[in-house]
Protein backbone atom coordinates (compact mmCIF):
# COMPACT_ATOMS: atom_id res chain seq x y z
CA MET A 1 94.95 59.28 -3.37
CA GLY A 2 93.80 62.31 -1.35
CA SER A 3 90.69 63.57 -0.70
CA PRO A 4 87.82 65.66 -2.63
CA LYS A 5 87.46 69.18 -2.04
CA TYR A 6 85.06 72.10 -3.04
CA ALA A 7 83.92 75.61 -2.85
CA TYR A 8 80.39 77.17 -3.53
CA TRP A 9 79.82 79.59 -6.15
CA SER A 10 79.48 82.40 -3.35
CA ASP A 11 82.75 81.79 -2.30
CA ASN A 12 84.74 83.13 -5.50
CA LEU A 13 85.88 87.09 -4.53
CA VAL A 14 86.23 87.64 -8.24
CA PRO A 15 82.88 89.41 -8.61
CA ASP A 16 83.79 92.22 -6.26
CA ALA A 17 87.41 92.83 -7.12
CA THR A 18 88.34 95.24 -10.06
CA PRO A 19 90.71 93.22 -12.72
CA ALA A 20 93.20 94.59 -15.25
CA TRP A 21 94.93 93.14 -18.17
CA VAL A 22 98.60 94.42 -17.62
CA SER A 23 102.25 94.04 -19.26
CA PRO A 24 101.12 95.22 -21.90
CA ALA A 25 97.79 93.14 -22.59
CA VAL A 26 94.75 95.18 -23.57
CA GLU A 27 91.07 93.57 -23.35
CA ASP A 28 89.20 92.42 -26.22
CA SER A 29 86.06 94.29 -26.27
CA ASP A 30 84.20 91.37 -27.62
CA TYR A 31 85.21 89.12 -24.81
CA PRO A 32 85.48 91.74 -21.72
CA LEU A 33 86.89 90.74 -18.37
CA SER A 34 83.48 90.76 -17.18
CA LYS A 35 83.08 87.25 -18.58
CA LEU A 36 85.84 86.27 -16.04
CA HIS A 37 82.78 85.36 -13.22
CA ASP A 38 78.98 85.24 -14.63
CA GLY A 39 78.94 81.37 -14.23
CA ASP A 40 79.24 80.77 -17.92
CA PRO A 41 82.71 79.75 -18.72
CA ALA A 42 81.34 79.09 -22.75
CA TRP A 43 81.92 82.70 -23.22
CA PRO A 44 85.44 83.63 -22.24
CA CYS A 45 87.39 87.00 -21.68
CA ARG A 46 89.96 87.32 -24.39
CA THR A 47 93.32 89.97 -24.37
CA ALA A 48 95.21 90.18 -27.96
CA GLN A 49 98.24 89.03 -26.49
CA THR A 50 99.80 85.50 -25.93
CA SER A 51 101.66 86.66 -22.73
CA ALA A 52 99.89 88.72 -20.30
CA ARG A 53 99.63 89.36 -16.51
CA LEU A 54 96.08 90.01 -14.88
CA VAL A 55 95.95 91.89 -11.89
CA LEU A 56 92.88 91.94 -9.47
CA ASP A 57 92.33 94.57 -6.28
CA PHE A 58 90.06 93.10 -3.72
CA GLY A 59 90.52 96.26 -2.31
CA THR A 60 91.46 95.03 1.19
CA ALA A 61 93.76 92.27 2.39
CA VAL A 62 91.47 88.78 1.71
CA LEU A 63 92.06 85.33 2.29
CA GLN A 64 93.27 83.62 -1.12
CA ALA A 65 92.31 80.08 0.06
CA LEU A 66 91.83 78.89 -3.45
CA VAL A 67 92.47 80.06 -6.94
CA ALA A 68 91.26 77.95 -9.98
CA VAL A 69 91.12 78.54 -13.63
CA ILE A 70 88.45 77.27 -15.45
CA HIS A 71 88.20 76.34 -19.80
CA HIS A 72 91.31 78.52 -20.86
CA ASN A 73 93.51 77.80 -24.06
CA PHE A 74 96.82 77.50 -22.32
CA ASP A 75 99.17 75.18 -24.31
CA ALA A 76 100.50 72.12 -21.94
CA ALA A 77 103.39 73.17 -19.92
CA LEU A 78 103.16 77.00 -20.48
CA ALA A 79 104.65 78.81 -17.66
CA CYS A 80 102.03 80.61 -15.91
CA SER A 81 101.57 81.10 -12.04
CA TRP A 82 99.23 82.74 -9.79
CA GLN A 83 101.10 85.13 -7.15
CA ALA A 84 99.79 87.59 -4.41
CA HIS A 85 101.04 90.53 -3.01
CA THR A 86 100.10 93.65 -0.52
CA ALA A 87 100.70 96.02 -3.04
CA ASP A 88 100.57 96.61 -6.94
CA SER A 89 104.18 95.52 -7.62
CA TRP A 90 105.23 92.51 -8.85
CA GLY A 91 109.23 92.38 -8.72
CA ALA A 92 108.98 90.05 -5.57
CA PRO A 93 105.27 89.20 -4.58
CA ASP A 94 104.88 87.75 -1.32
CA TYR A 95 103.28 84.46 -2.68
CA SER A 96 103.92 82.90 -6.32
CA GLY A 97 102.67 79.47 -7.44
CA ALA A 98 102.82 77.82 -10.41
CA PHE A 99 99.91 76.14 -12.41
CA THR A 100 100.57 72.58 -14.14
CA VAL A 101 99.17 72.66 -17.40
CA GLY A 102 98.20 69.65 -18.88
CA ALA A 103 98.16 68.35 -22.52
CA ALA A 104 94.50 69.04 -24.00
CA SER A 105 92.54 65.48 -24.65
CA ALA A 106 91.30 64.30 -28.17
CA ASP A 107 88.49 66.00 -27.84
CA ASN A 108 90.73 68.77 -27.25
CA TYR A 109 89.22 69.33 -23.85
CA ARG A 110 91.72 71.10 -21.75
CA PRO A 111 92.03 70.06 -17.94
CA ASP A 112 91.09 73.35 -15.50
CA LEU A 113 93.38 74.27 -13.36
CA TRP A 114 93.68 75.21 -9.51
CA GLN A 115 95.91 75.58 -6.34
CA ALA A 116 95.43 76.43 -2.97
CA PRO A 117 97.78 79.63 -1.93
CA GLY A 118 96.15 79.98 1.73
CA VAL A 119 97.29 83.43 1.91
CA THR A 120 95.68 86.97 3.06
CA LYS A 121 96.90 89.67 0.52
CA ARG A 122 95.21 92.40 -1.11
CA TYR A 123 95.87 91.79 -4.80
CA GLY A 124 96.46 88.83 -6.73
CA SER A 125 97.74 88.02 -10.21
CA LEU A 126 97.44 85.49 -12.73
CA ASN A 127 100.94 85.41 -14.51
CA VAL A 128 101.38 83.99 -18.15
CA SER A 129 105.36 84.65 -18.58
CA GLY A 130 105.37 82.00 -21.13
CA THR A 131 104.31 82.47 -24.95
CA ASN A 132 101.03 80.90 -25.65
CA SER A 133 100.42 79.74 -29.31
CA ALA A 134 97.30 81.29 -29.65
CA THR A 135 95.69 84.74 -27.91
CA LEU A 136 94.80 84.21 -24.39
CA ALA A 137 91.31 83.33 -23.74
CA LEU A 138 90.00 82.88 -19.94
CA GLY A 139 86.42 81.14 -19.45
CA GLN A 140 86.23 81.73 -15.71
CA LEU A 141 88.51 82.71 -12.72
CA PHE A 142 87.86 81.69 -9.29
CA VAL A 143 89.25 83.03 -6.10
CA GLY A 144 88.01 81.43 -3.12
CA SER A 145 87.41 82.69 0.20
CA ALA A 146 87.30 79.02 1.58
CA LEU A 147 88.76 75.61 0.53
CA ARG A 148 85.91 72.89 1.78
CA SER A 149 85.92 69.15 2.63
CA PHE A 150 83.14 66.96 1.98
CA PHE A 151 82.33 65.17 5.35
CA ARG A 152 82.19 61.42 5.82
CA GLY A 153 84.19 60.32 3.41
CA LEU A 154 82.95 60.99 -0.10
CA THR A 155 85.26 59.91 -2.97
CA VAL A 156 84.83 61.47 -6.48
CA GLY A 157 85.98 59.67 -10.05
CA HIS A 158 85.62 59.86 -13.39
CA ASP A 159 82.59 57.81 -14.95
CA GLU A 160 83.67 57.34 -18.54
CA GLY A 161 82.22 55.17 -21.37
CA ALA A 162 80.67 55.76 -25.04
CA ASP A 163 77.12 55.49 -26.44
CA VAL A 164 78.02 53.38 -30.09
CA GLY A 165 74.19 53.62 -30.85
CA VAL A 166 73.88 52.84 -34.84
CA SER A 167 70.54 53.37 -36.69
CA GLU A 168 69.76 51.38 -39.90
CA ASN A 169 67.61 52.43 -42.46
CA ILE A 170 65.86 50.95 -45.74
CA THR A 171 65.87 52.87 -48.95
CA ASP A 172 62.98 52.23 -51.17
CA GLY A 173 65.15 50.02 -53.24
CA GLY A 174 65.97 47.91 -50.22
CA THR A 175 69.31 49.18 -49.70
CA SER A 176 70.37 48.82 -46.02
CA PHE A 177 72.35 51.88 -44.51
CA ARG A 178 73.66 52.75 -41.11
CA ILE A 179 73.99 55.88 -39.04
CA LYS A 180 76.39 56.12 -36.15
CA LYS A 181 75.18 58.02 -33.43
CA GLY A 182 77.88 57.68 -30.72
CA PHE A 183 78.95 59.91 -28.09
CA ARG A 184 81.76 60.17 -25.14
CA LEU A 185 80.68 60.16 -21.74
CA ASP A 186 82.80 61.46 -19.14
CA MET A 187 81.18 62.79 -15.76
CA LEU A 188 82.53 62.79 -11.95
CA GLN A 189 80.74 60.99 -9.89
CA GLY A 190 81.17 60.82 -6.04
CA THR A 191 80.39 57.71 -4.20
CA PHE A 192 79.72 57.23 -0.37
CA VAL A 193 79.05 54.30 1.89
CA GLY A 194 77.42 54.22 5.24
CA SER A 195 74.54 53.42 7.23
CA ARG A 196 70.72 54.20 5.98
CA ALA A 197 70.63 56.99 8.50
CA GLU A 198 74.00 58.66 7.29
CA THR A 199 73.16 57.91 3.55
CA GLU A 200 70.01 59.94 3.96
CA GLU A 201 71.90 62.65 5.30
CA ILE A 202 74.01 62.87 2.46
CA ILE A 203 70.71 62.53 0.05
CA GLU A 204 69.39 65.40 1.70
CA LEU A 205 72.52 67.44 1.46
CA PHE A 206 72.77 66.69 -2.48
CA LEU A 207 69.12 67.22 -3.31
CA ALA A 208 69.50 71.12 -1.76
CA LEU A 209 72.50 71.50 -3.75
CA ALA A 210 71.43 70.37 -6.67
CA GLY A 211 68.36 72.68 -6.27
CA SER A 212 70.58 75.71 -6.55
CA ALA A 213 71.31 77.14 -10.08
CA GLU A 214 74.80 78.25 -9.18
CA PRO A 215 78.02 76.25 -9.75
CA LEU A 216 79.79 74.06 -7.42
CA LEU A 217 83.69 74.10 -7.90
CA LEU A 218 84.86 70.51 -7.24
CA ILE A 219 88.05 69.04 -6.85
CA PRO A 220 88.36 65.43 -7.37
CA ASP A 221 91.55 64.89 -5.59
CA ASP A 222 93.27 67.46 -3.47
CA THR A 223 96.72 65.69 -4.50
CA VAL A 224 96.10 66.21 -8.22
CA ALA A 225 96.12 69.53 -10.35
CA TYR A 226 92.52 69.13 -11.58
CA CYS A 227 89.30 70.62 -10.81
CA ALA A 228 85.97 71.08 -12.56
CA LEU A 229 83.42 73.64 -12.42
CA THR A 230 80.12 71.37 -12.04
CA LEU A 231 76.62 71.57 -11.78
CA LEU A 232 74.86 68.31 -9.43
CA ASP A 233 72.70 66.27 -11.19
CA ARG A 234 69.63 65.85 -8.64
CA ARG A 235 68.41 63.19 -11.22
CA SER A 236 70.66 60.81 -10.57
CA ILE A 237 71.08 60.25 -7.03
CA ARG A 238 71.17 56.99 -6.33
CA ARG A 239 71.27 54.61 -2.98
CA GLN A 240 71.85 51.05 -3.20
CA THR A 241 71.84 48.46 -0.20
CA LEU A 242 75.22 46.51 -0.05
CA ASP A 243 74.58 44.54 3.16
CA GLY A 244 72.43 44.82 6.07
CA ASP A 245 72.69 48.52 7.42
CA VAL A 246 75.12 49.35 4.68
CA TYR A 247 74.18 51.63 1.73
CA GLN A 248 75.82 53.41 -1.06
CA VAL A 249 75.06 56.41 -2.75
CA GLN A 250 76.06 57.77 -5.64
CA VAL A 251 75.79 61.28 -7.33
CA ASN A 252 76.64 62.64 -10.86
CA PHE A 253 78.54 65.97 -11.30
CA ARG A 254 77.83 67.59 -14.68
CA GLN A 255 80.96 69.35 -15.81
CA LEU A 256 80.17 72.88 -17.40
CA SER A 257 83.24 73.43 -19.19
CA ARG A 258 83.46 69.72 -20.70
CA GLY A 259 82.81 69.62 -24.25
CA LEU A 260 83.75 73.27 -25.18
CA THR A 261 86.97 74.04 -27.04
CA TYR A 262 88.62 76.90 -28.57
């Protein structure tokens, strides 16, 4: 298992770039490219094609430390990659890294994608060279100037389960009927173990982050091709005593694109 990584929303270079669909894709005017970086993956940008290239001009050479594709409708195993080059020419880019697109879950959730190019180039491009089953949609594109590490050994995992509550009602005739009100739970949960002083420092850090309305791009495990655009839930930061001066802090990250479907 690797270690969790993250990036602040302010690390995103896309808002200052000039994006364009090319080869030969055109923008869907109802779903414009301005939706690429507004922090709301529920309203994506779209093109009318099932294969396309999206090119971003950053104006000058910038460090593309991290690239993430949030809330997409890409088919499993679709051929797509991030490329970076010194010029807007893509025959032989200086960098090309393939994304691993996993299968959708039972509720049609498609895992978000990421990679760490770590190159300094003026241009970047999302190249969907395969043919998707539907016209391409993209909720958010994140090109980060930094890939950050949590300090003091925080681990991040999934907290999964289900609420299977049932509501029982009695009709005027005395007949009983029940209504199922269950739902799936899927949340990312961070855990840290340390002294009281160390855990206090962690709590203060997360309280400060949770006070921000801006999302946090979270990579739970840097050896796995999965990331999530999240908000910290300040209501669920908890500290438990394990033994003597050993404490455990847990914090939940709410996934902004979880539950969204196409």
